Amino acid sequence: MAAIIREDTCPFCGGVNGCMAKSTQSCWCVDATIPAGLVELVPDPARGKACICQACVRLYNQDPESFRVRSERQ
């Protein structure tokens, strides 16, 4: 059975990602720098379908290696 991908849920923590892509309002990510290394960690089923939340971007920026290891265990 295929996992259901929710556009409003972060693919790493499962929390609300705050995506405004389908809104008339500007999204927080417009002014953010999302590291390519973090984008590469997004699981294939969610890639291009679910945005990463601000908290996970911050965690990755603080310690990319620990974030990578933790995301691979999930």
PDB file of N, CA and C in Angstrom:
ATOM      1  N   MET A   1       0.836  -1.169   0.000  1.00  0.00           N
ATOM      2  CA  MET A   1       0.000   0.000   0.000  1.00  0.00           C
ATOM      3  C   MET A   1       0.890   1.245   0.000  1.00  0.00           C
ATOM      4  N   ALA A   2       0.601   2.185  -0.875  1.00  0.00           N
ATOM      5  CA  ALA A   2       1.384   3.405  -0.988  1.00  0.00           C
ATOM      6  C   ALA A   2       1.027   4.381   0.123  1.00  0.00           C
ATOM      7  N   ALA A   3       2.047   5.066   0.617  1.00  0.00           N
ATOM      8  CA  ALA A   3       1.813   6.062   1.661  1.00  0.00           C
ATOM      9  C   ALA A   3       1.104   7.270   1.060  1.00  0.00           C
ATOM     10  N   ILE A   4       0.234   7.882   1.836  1.00  0.00           N
ATOM     11  CA  ILE A   4      -0.452   9.086   1.397  1.00  0.00           C
ATOM     12  C   ILE A   4       0.431  10.279   1.715  1.00  0.00           C
ATOM     13  N   ILE A   5       0.723  11.073   0.705  1.00  0.00           N
ATOM     14  CA  ILE A   5       1.559  12.254   0.868  1.00  0.00           C
ATOM     15  C   ILE A   5       0.654  13.457   1.062  1.00  0.00           C
ATOM     16  N   ARG A   6       0.843  14.149   2.168  1.00  0.00           N
ATOM     17  CA  ARG A   6       0.066  15.361   2.448  1.00  0.00           C
ATOM     18  C   ARG A   6       0.933  16.570   2.156  1.00  0.00           C
ATOM     19  N   GLU A   7       0.445  17.459   1.313  1.00  0.00           N
ATOM     20  CA  GLU A   7       1.192  18.658   0.942  1.00  0.00           C
ATOM     21  C   GLU A   7       1.439  19.591   2.122  1.00  0.00           C
ATOM     22  N   ASP A   8       0.569  19.548   3.137  1.00  0.00           N
ATOM     23  CA  ASP A   8       0.692  20.477   4.255  1.00  0.00           C
ATOM     24  C   ASP A   8       1.520  19.921   5.416  1.00  0.00           C
ATOM     25  N   THR A   9       2.148  18.766   5.196  1.00  0.00           N
ATOM     26  CA  THR A   9       2.910  18.094   6.241  1.00  0.00           C
ATOM     27  C   THR A   9       4.382  17.955   5.847  1.00  0.00           C
ATOM     28  N   CYS A  10       5.262  18.282   6.759  1.00  0.00           N
ATOM     29  CA  CYS A  10       6.702  18.165   6.519  1.00  0.00           C
ATOM     30  C   CYS A  10       7.072  16.690   6.349  1.00  0.00           C
ATOM     31  N   PRO A  11       7.842  16.357   5.324  1.00  0.00           N
ATOM     32  CA  PRO A  11       8.212  14.954   5.094  1.00  0.00           C
ATOM     33  C   PRO A  11       9.188  14.396   6.136  1.00  0.00           C
ATOM     34  N   PHE A  12       9.756  15.261   6.987  1.00  0.00           N
ATOM     35  CA  PHE A  12      10.697  14.797   7.998  1.00  0.00           C
ATOM     36  C   PHE A  12      10.057  14.620   9.369  1.00  0.00           C
ATOM     37  N   CYS A  13       9.396  15.652   9.862  1.00  0.00           N
ATOM     38  CA  CYS A  13       8.864  15.599  11.226  1.00  0.00           C
ATOM     39  C   CYS A  13       7.374  15.297  11.282  1.00  0.00           C
ATOM     40  N   GLY A  14       6.696  15.419  10.155  1.00  0.00           N
ATOM     41  CA  GLY A  14       5.254  15.172  10.122  1.00  0.00           C
ATOM     42  C   GLY A  14       4.433  16.337  10.627  1.00  0.00           C
ATOM     43  N   GLY A  15       5.096  17.431  10.987  1.00  0.00           N
ATOM     44  CA  GLY A  15       4.386  18.618  11.457  1.00  0.00           C
ATOM     45  C   GLY A  15       3.866  19.457  10.300  1.00  0.00           C
ATOM     46  N   VAL A  16       3.073  20.452  10.625  1.00  0.00           N
ATOM     47  CA  VAL A  16       2.549  21.367   9.619  1.00  0.00           C
ATOM     48  C   VAL A  16       3.711  22.170   9.044  1.00  0.00           C
ATOM     49  N   ASN A  17       3.797  22.235   7.709  1.00  0.00           N
ATOM     50  CA  ASN A  17       4.936  22.903   7.079  1.00  0.00           C
ATOM     51  C   ASN A  17       4.701  24.383   6.778  1.00  0.00           C
ATOM     52  N   GLY A  18       3.476  24.869   6.944  1.00  0.00           N
ATOM     53  CA  GLY A  18       3.203  26.289   6.719  1.00  0.00           C
ATOM     54  C   GLY A  18       3.299  26.697   5.267  1.00  0.00           C
ATOM     55  N   CYS A  19       3.168  25.758   4.350  1.00  0.00           N
ATOM     56  CA  CYS A  19       3.292  26.053   2.922  1.00  0.00           C
ATOM     57  C   CYS A  19       2.158  26.956   2.456  1.00  0.00           C
ATOM     58  N   MET A  20       2.511  27.977   1.723  1.00  0.00           N
ATOM     59  CA  MET A  20       1.526  28.921   1.183  1.00  0.00           C
ATOM     60  C   MET A  20       1.550  28.894  -0.345  1.00  0.00           C
ATOM     61  N   ALA A  21       2.078  27.828  -0.941  1.00  0.00           N
ATOM     62  CA  ALA A  21       2.237  27.749  -2.391  1.00  0.00           C
ATOM     63  C   ALA A  21       0.928  27.909  -3.145  1.00  0.00           C
ATOM     64  N   LYS A  22      -0.156  27.436  -2.575  1.00  0.00           N
ATOM     65  CA  LYS A  22      -1.449  27.519  -3.252  1.00  0.00           C
ATOM     66  C   LYS A  22      -2.294  28.679  -2.723  1.00  0.00           C
ATOM     67  N   SER A  23      -1.649  29.649  -2.115  1.00  0.00           N
ATOM     68  CA  SER A  23      -2.332  30.789  -1.525  1.00  0.00           C
ATOM     69  C   SER A  23      -1.962  32.060  -2.284  1.00  0.00           C
ATOM     70  N   THR A  24      -2.725  33.101  -2.080  1.00  0.00           N
ATOM     71  CA  THR A  24      -2.383  34.392  -2.665  1.00  0.00           C
ATOM     72  C   THR A  24      -1.339  35.108  -1.812  1.00  0.00           C
ATOM     73  N   GLN A  25      -1.091  34.592  -0.596  1.00  0.00           N
ATOM     74  CA  GLN A  25      -0.086  35.172   0.291  1.00  0.00           C
ATOM     75  C   GLN A  25       1.289  34.583  -0.027  1.00  0.00           C
ATOM     76  N   SER A  26       2.307  35.324   0.288  1.00  0.00           N
ATOM     77  CA  SER A  26       3.673  34.875   0.058  1.00  0.00           C
ATOM     78  C   SER A  26       4.072  33.826   1.101  1.00  0.00           C
ATOM     79  N   CYS A  27       4.759  32.807   0.680  1.00  0.00           N
ATOM     80  CA  CYS A  27       5.203  31.741   1.572  1.00  0.00           C
ATOM     81  C   CYS A  27       6.514  32.141   2.261  1.00  0.00           C
ATOM     82  N   TRP A  28       6.722  31.626   3.476  1.00  0.00           N
ATOM     83  CA  TRP A  28       7.940  31.914   4.233  1.00  0.00           C
ATOM     84  C   TRP A  28       9.192  31.494   3.468  1.00  0.00           C
ATOM     85  N   CYS A  29       9.054  30.469   2.627  1.00  0.00           N
ATOM     86  CA  CYS A  29      10.236  29.926   1.945  1.00  0.00           C
ATOM     87  C   CYS A  29      10.738  30.816   0.808  1.00  0.00           C
ATOM     88  N   VAL A  30       9.934  31.787   0.393  1.00  0.00           N
ATOM     89  CA  VAL A  30      10.359  32.686  -0.681  1.00  0.00           C
ATOM     90  C   VAL A  30      11.654  33.404  -0.306  1.00  0.00           C
ATOM     91  N   ASP A  31      11.768  33.769   0.960  1.00  0.00           N
ATOM     92  CA  ASP A  31      12.957  34.487   1.425  1.00  0.00           C
ATOM     93  C   ASP A  31      13.968  33.589   2.129  1.00  0.00           C
ATOM     94  N   ALA A  32      13.684  32.296   2.162  1.00  0.00           N
ATOM     95  CA  ALA A  32      14.563  31.350   2.854  1.00  0.00           C
ATOM     96  C   ALA A  32      15.523  30.680   1.874  1.00  0.00           C
ATOM     97  N   THR A  33      16.645  30.247   2.409  1.00  0.00           N
ATOM     98  CA  THR A  33      17.580  29.437   1.633  1.00  0.00           C
ATOM     99  C   THR A  33      17.447  28.008   2.142  1.00  0.00           C
ATOM    100  N   ILE A  34      16.970  27.137   1.278  1.00  0.00           N
ATOM    101  CA  ILE A  34      16.810  25.731   1.633  1.00  0.00           C
ATOM    102  C   ILE A  34      18.032  25.000   1.077  1.00  0.00           C
ATOM    103  N   PRO A  35      18.874  24.439   1.943  1.00  0.00           N
ATOM    104  CA  PRO A  35      20.098  23.781   1.476  1.00  0.00           C
ATOM    105  C   PRO A  35      19.800  22.609   0.532  1.00  0.00           C
ATOM    106  N   ALA A  36      20.569  22.519  -0.528  1.00  0.00           N
ATOM    107  CA  ALA A  36      20.396  21.432  -1.494  1.00  0.00           C
ATOM    108  C   ALA A  36      20.542  20.067  -0.821  1.00  0.00           C
ATOM    109  N   GLY A  37      21.447  19.976   0.152  1.00  0.00           N
ATOM    110  CA  GLY A  37      21.644  18.711   0.860  1.00  0.00           C
ATOM    111  C   GLY A  37      20.400  18.268   1.604  1.00  0.00           C
ATOM    112  N   LEU A  38      19.639  19.216   2.116  1.00  0.00           N
ATOM    113  CA  LEU A  38      18.395  18.897   2.804  1.00  0.00           C
ATOM    114  C   LEU A  38      17.331  18.446   1.815  1.00  0.00           C
ATOM    115  N   VAL A  39      17.227  19.140   0.713  1.00  0.00           N
ATOM    116  CA  VAL A  39      16.256  18.767  -0.326  1.00  0.00           C
ATOM    117  C   VAL A  39      16.533  17.357  -0.832  1.00  0.00           C
ATOM    118  N   GLU A  40      17.789  16.992  -0.951  1.00  0.00           N
ATOM    119  CA  GLU A  40      18.160  15.647  -1.413  1.00  0.00           C
ATOM    120  C   GLU A  40      17.721  14.555  -0.443  1.00  0.00           C
ATOM    121  N   LEU A  41      17.525  14.907   0.832  1.00  0.00           N
ATOM    122  CA  LEU A  41      17.107  13.925   1.841  1.00  0.00           C
ATOM    123  C   LEU A  41      15.606  13.652   1.842  1.00  0.00           C
ATOM    124  N   VAL A  42      14.828  14.485   1.143  1.00  0.00           N
ATOM    125  CA  VAL A  42      13.376  14.283   1.109  1.00  0.00           C
ATOM    126  C   VAL A  42      13.106  12.910   0.489  1.00  0.00           C
ATOM    127  N   PRO A  43      12.324  12.081   1.172  1.00  0.00           N
ATOM    128  CA  PRO A  43      12.020  10.741   0.638  1.00  0.00           C
ATOM    129  C   PRO A  43      11.369  10.829  -0.749  1.00  0.00           C
ATOM    130  N   ASP A  44      11.705   9.898  -1.614  1.00  0.00           N
ATOM    131  CA  ASP A  44      11.208   9.919  -2.993  1.00  0.00           C
ATOM    132  C   ASP A  44       9.702  10.124  -3.115  1.00  0.00           C
ATOM    133  N   PRO A  45       8.872   9.438  -2.327  1.00  0.00           N
ATOM    134  CA  PRO A  45       7.423   9.636  -2.499  1.00  0.00           C
ATOM    135  C   PRO A  45       6.957  11.068  -2.228  1.00  0.00           C
ATOM    136  N   ALA A  46       7.691  11.808  -1.391  1.00  0.00           N
ATOM    137  CA  ALA A  46       7.294  13.175  -1.030  1.00  0.00           C
ATOM    138  C   ALA A  46       8.002  14.233  -1.863  1.00  0.00           C
ATOM    139  N   ARG A  47       9.012  13.836  -2.612  1.00  0.00           N
ATOM    140  CA  ARG A  47       9.811  14.806  -3.365  1.00  0.00           C
ATOM    141  C   ARG A  47       8.945  15.552  -4.382  1.00  0.00           C
ATOM    142  N   GLY A  48       8.980  16.876  -4.286  1.00  0.00           N
ATOM    143  CA  GLY A  48       8.205  17.715  -5.189  1.00  0.00           C
ATOM    144  C   GLY A  48       6.730  17.793  -4.828  1.00  0.00           C
ATOM    145  N   LYS A  49       6.348  17.163  -3.705  1.00  0.00           N
ATOM    146  CA  LYS A  49       4.939  17.141  -3.307  1.00  0.00           C
ATOM    147  C   LYS A  49       4.703  17.743  -1.933  1.00  0.00           C
ATOM    148  N   ALA A  50       5.690  17.693  -1.050  1.00  0.00           N
ATOM    149  CA  ALA A  50       5.525  18.192   0.318  1.00  0.00           C
ATOM    150  C   ALA A  50       6.709  19.081   0.680  1.00  0.00           C
ATOM    151  N   CYS A  51       6.405  20.237   1.251  1.00  0.00           N
ATOM    152  CA  CYS A  51       7.449  21.188   1.647  1.00  0.00           C
ATOM    153  C   CYS A  51       8.047  20.838   3.006  1.00  0.00           C
ATOM    154  N   ILE A  52       9.279  21.208   3.178  1.00  0.00           N
ATOM    155  CA  ILE A  52       9.990  21.035   4.448  1.00  0.00           C
ATOM    156  C   ILE A  52       9.598  22.209   5.354  1.00  0.00           C
ATOM    157  N   CYS A  53       9.378  21.947   6.635  1.00  0.00           N
ATOM    158  CA  CYS A  53       8.987  23.020   7.566  1.00  0.00           C
ATOM    159  C   CYS A  53      10.207  23.834   8.002  1.00  0.00           C
ATOM    160  N   GLN A  54       9.929  25.026   8.560  1.00  0.00           N
ATOM    161  CA  GLN A  54      10.996  25.910   9.031  1.00  0.00           C
ATOM    162  C   GLN A  54      11.836  25.267  10.118  1.00  0.00           C
ATOM    163  N   ALA A  55      11.197  24.525  11.019  1.00  0.00           N
ATOM    164  CA  ALA A  55      11.934  23.901  12.121  1.00  0.00           C
ATOM    165  C   ALA A  55      12.954  22.903  11.595  1.00  0.00           C
ATOM    166  N   CYS A  56      12.584  22.113  10.601  1.00  0.00           N
ATOM    167  CA  CYS A  56      13.523  21.122  10.057  1.00  0.00           C
ATOM    168  C   CYS A  56      14.639  21.796   9.262  1.00  0.00           C
ATOM    169  N   VAL A  57      14.341  22.899   8.602  1.00  0.00           N
ATOM    170  CA  VAL A  57      15.397  23.655   7.918  1.00  0.00           C
ATOM    171  C   VAL A  57      16.396  24.162   8.949  1.00  0.00           C
ATOM    172  N   ARG A  58      15.899  24.709  10.069  1.00  0.00           N
ATOM    173  CA  ARG A  58      16.794  25.199  11.127  1.00  0.00           C
ATOM    174  C   ARG A  58      17.633  24.061  11.716  1.00  0.00           C
ATOM    175  N   LEU A  59      16.989  22.929  12.012  1.00  0.00           N
ATOM    176  CA  LEU A  59      17.726  21.788  12.573  1.00  0.00           C
ATOM    177  C   LEU A  59      18.819  21.310  11.623  1.00  0.00           C
ATOM    178  N   TYR A  60      18.494  21.228  10.348  1.00  0.00           N
ATOM    179  CA  TYR A  60      19.493  20.814   9.362  1.00  0.00           C
ATOM    180  C   TYR A  60      20.659  21.800   9.338  1.00  0.00           C
ATOM    181  N   ASN A  61      20.343  23.095   9.334  1.00  0.00           N
ATOM    182  CA  ASN A  61      21.400  24.114   9.281  1.00  0.00           C
ATOM    183  C   ASN A  61      22.298  24.073  10.513  1.00  0.00           C
ATOM    184  N   GLN A  62      21.760  23.691  11.665  1.00  0.00           N
ATOM    185  CA  GLN A  62      22.554  23.605  12.891  1.00  0.00           C
ATOM    186  C   GLN A  62      23.518  22.425  12.868  1.00  0.00           C
ATOM    187  N   ASP A  63      23.082  21.304  12.302  1.00  0.00           N
ATOM    188  CA  ASP A  63      23.914  20.100  12.298  1.00  0.00           C
ATOM    189  C   ASP A  63      23.471  19.161  11.175  1.00  0.00           C
ATOM    190  N   PRO A  64      23.935  19.422   9.963  1.00  0.00           N
ATOM    191  CA  PRO A  64      23.491  18.634   8.804  1.00  0.00           C
ATOM    192  C   PRO A  64      23.715  17.124   8.953  1.00  0.00           C
ATOM    193  N   GLU A  65      24.820  16.736   9.508  1.00  0.00           N
ATOM    194  CA  GLU A  65      25.121  15.299   9.609  1.00  0.00           C
ATOM    195  C   GLU A  65      24.165  14.602  10.575  1.00  0.00           C
ATOM    196  N   SER A  66      23.921  15.198  11.727  1.00  0.00           N
ATOM    197  CA  SER A  66      22.983  14.596  12.680  1.00  0.00           C
ATOM    198  C   SER A  66      21.583  14.525  12.095  1.00  0.00           C
ATOM    199  N   PHE A  67      21.175  15.569  11.369  1.00  0.00           N
ATOM    200  CA  PHE A  67      19.860  15.567  10.752  1.00  0.00           C
ATOM    201  C   PHE A  67      19.769  14.441   9.723  1.00  0.00           C
ATOM    202  N   ARG A  68      20.808  14.277   8.929  1.00  0.00           N
ATOM    203  CA  ARG A  68      20.827  13.234   7.902  1.00  0.00           C
ATOM    204  C   ARG A  68      20.692  11.852   8.547  1.00  0.00           C
ATOM    205  N   VAL A  69      21.470  11.613   9.580  1.00  0.00           N
ATOM    206  CA  VAL A  69      21.444  10.318  10.268  1.00  0.00           C
ATOM    207  C   VAL A  69      20.054  10.056  10.854  1.00  0.00           C
ATOM    208  N   ARG A  70      19.481  11.077  11.500  1.00  0.00           N
ATOM    209  CA  ARG A  70      18.151  10.920  12.098  1.00  0.00           C
ATOM    210  C   ARG A  70      17.087  10.672  11.029  1.00  0.00           C
ATOM    211  N   SER A  71      17.171  11.366   9.906  1.00  0.00           N
ATOM    212  CA  SER A  71      16.159  11.207   8.858  1.00  0.00           C
ATOM    213  C   SER A  71      16.257   9.823   8.189  1.00  0.00           C
ATOM    214  N   GLU A  72      17.442   9.259   8.152  1.00  0.00           N
ATOM    215  CA  GLU A  72      17.613   7.934   7.545  1.00  0.00           C
ATOM    216  C   GLU A  72      17.044   6.836   8.429  1.00  0.00           C
ATOM    217  N   ARG A  73      16.949   7.078   9.732  1.00  0.00           N
ATOM    218  CA  ARG A  73      16.405   6.085  10.661  1.00  0.00           C
ATOM    219  C   ARG A  73      14.881   6.014  10.606  1.00  0.00           C
ATOM    220  N   GLN A  74      14.250   7.067  10.134  1.00  0.00           N
ATOM    221  CA  GLN A  74      12.792   7.120  10.134  1.00  0.00           C
ATOM    222  C   GLN A  74      12.184   6.280   9.055  1.00  0.00           C
TER     223      GLN A  74
END
